[in-house]
Amino acid sequence: MMKCVAHIFTMSIVCIKRTYDVQLALLQSKVQTGVNFTNVNRNNETEI
C-alpha cells in the first residue's frame, strides 16, 4: 500500500515539475521576444 502511495506521490511531483518547466520555458521565450521587440524599437528611434 505504501509503495503505491509513494508511486502516486512521485508521479505527481514529476508531473508538476514538467508543467513548471514548460511554464518557465514559455515565460523565458516571452521575455526574449519582449527584449528583441524593445531592441528593434530602440534601433528605429536612433535612425530617425
C-alpha atoms as a PDB file:
ATOM      1  CA  MET A   1       0.000   0.000   0.000  1.00  0.00           C
ATOM      2  CA  MET A   2       2.737   2.463   0.966  1.00  0.00           C
ATOM      3  CA  LYS A   3       4.631   1.655  -2.226  1.00  0.00           C
ATOM      4  CA  CYS A   4       1.548   2.585  -4.259  1.00  0.00           C
ATOM      5  CA  VAL A   5       1.105   5.869  -2.387  1.00  0.00           C
ATOM      6  CA  ALA A   6       4.773   6.699  -2.831  1.00  0.00           C
ATOM      7  CA  HIS A   7       4.484   5.965  -6.550  1.00  0.00           C
ATOM      8  CA  ILE A   8       1.462   8.271  -6.953  1.00  0.00           C
ATOM      9  CA  PHE A   9       3.267  10.951  -4.943  1.00  0.00           C
ATOM     10  CA  THR A  10       6.389  10.656  -7.109  1.00  0.00           C
ATOM     11  CA  MET A  11       4.356  10.751 -10.321  1.00  0.00           C
ATOM     12  CA  SER A  12       2.511  13.884  -9.220  1.00  0.00           C
ATOM     13  CA  ILE A  13       5.817  15.602  -8.387  1.00  0.00           C
ATOM     14  CA  VAL A  14       7.210  14.645 -11.806  1.00  0.00           C
ATOM     15  CA  CYS A  15       4.045  15.947 -13.464  1.00  0.00           C
ATOM     16  CA  ILE A  16       4.158  19.232 -11.526  1.00  0.00           C
ATOM     17  CA  LYS A  17       7.846  19.670 -12.321  1.00  0.00           C
ATOM     18  CA  ARG A  18       7.222  19.053 -16.018  1.00  0.00           C
ATOM     19  CA  THR A  19       4.400  21.610 -16.036  1.00  0.00           C
ATOM     20  CA  TYR A  20       6.637  24.071 -14.191  1.00  0.00           C
ATOM     21  CA  ASP A  21       9.461  23.545 -16.703  1.00  0.00           C
ATOM     22  CA  VAL A  22       7.090  24.180 -19.611  1.00  0.00           C
ATOM     23  CA  GLN A  23       5.738  27.342 -17.978  1.00  0.00           C
ATOM     24  CA  LEU A  24       9.281  28.528 -17.313  1.00  0.00           C
ATOM     25  CA  ALA A  25      10.302  27.896 -20.928  1.00  0.00           C
ATOM     26  CA  LEU A  26       7.241  29.801 -22.182  1.00  0.00           C
ATOM     27  CA  LEU A  27       7.994  32.686 -19.853  1.00  0.00           C
ATOM     28  CA  GLN A  28      11.624  32.820 -20.969  1.00  0.00           C
ATOM     29  CA  SER A  29      10.637  32.840 -24.646  1.00  0.00           C
ATOM     30  CA  LYS A  30       8.118  35.637 -23.967  1.00  0.00           C
ATOM     31  CA  VAL A  31      10.780  37.659 -22.169  1.00  0.00           C
ATOM     32  CA  GLN A  32      13.232  37.026 -25.021  1.00  0.00           C
ATOM     33  CA  THR A  33      10.641  38.181 -27.572  1.00  0.00           C
ATOM     34  CA  GLY A  34       9.935  41.265 -25.468  1.00  0.00           C
ATOM     35  CA  VAL A  35      13.627  42.098 -25.270  1.00  0.00           C
ATOM     36  CA  ASN A  36      14.044  41.687 -29.032  1.00  0.00           C
ATOM     37  CA  PHE A  37      10.992  43.869 -29.671  1.00  0.00           C
ATOM     38  CA  THR A  38      12.343  46.594 -27.385  1.00  0.00           C
ATOM     39  CA  ASN A  39      15.717  46.487 -29.118  1.00  0.00           C
ATOM     40  CA  VAL A  40      14.074  46.848 -32.537  1.00  0.00           C
ATOM     41  CA  ASN A  41      12.109  49.874 -31.327  1.00  0.00           C
ATOM     42  CA  ARG A  42      15.242  51.424 -29.882  1.00  0.00           C
ATOM     43  CA  ASN A  43      17.098  50.924 -33.174  1.00  0.00           C
ATOM     44  CA  ASN A  44      14.261  52.550 -35.112  1.00  0.00           C
ATOM     45  CA  GLU A  45      14.322  55.581 -32.829  1.00  0.00           C
ATOM     46  CA  THR A  46      18.054  56.132 -33.285  1.00  0.00           C
ATOM     47  CA  GLU A  47      17.766  56.018 -37.081  1.00  0.00           C
ATOM     48  CA  ILE A  48      15.107  58.738 -37.234  1.00  0.00           C
END
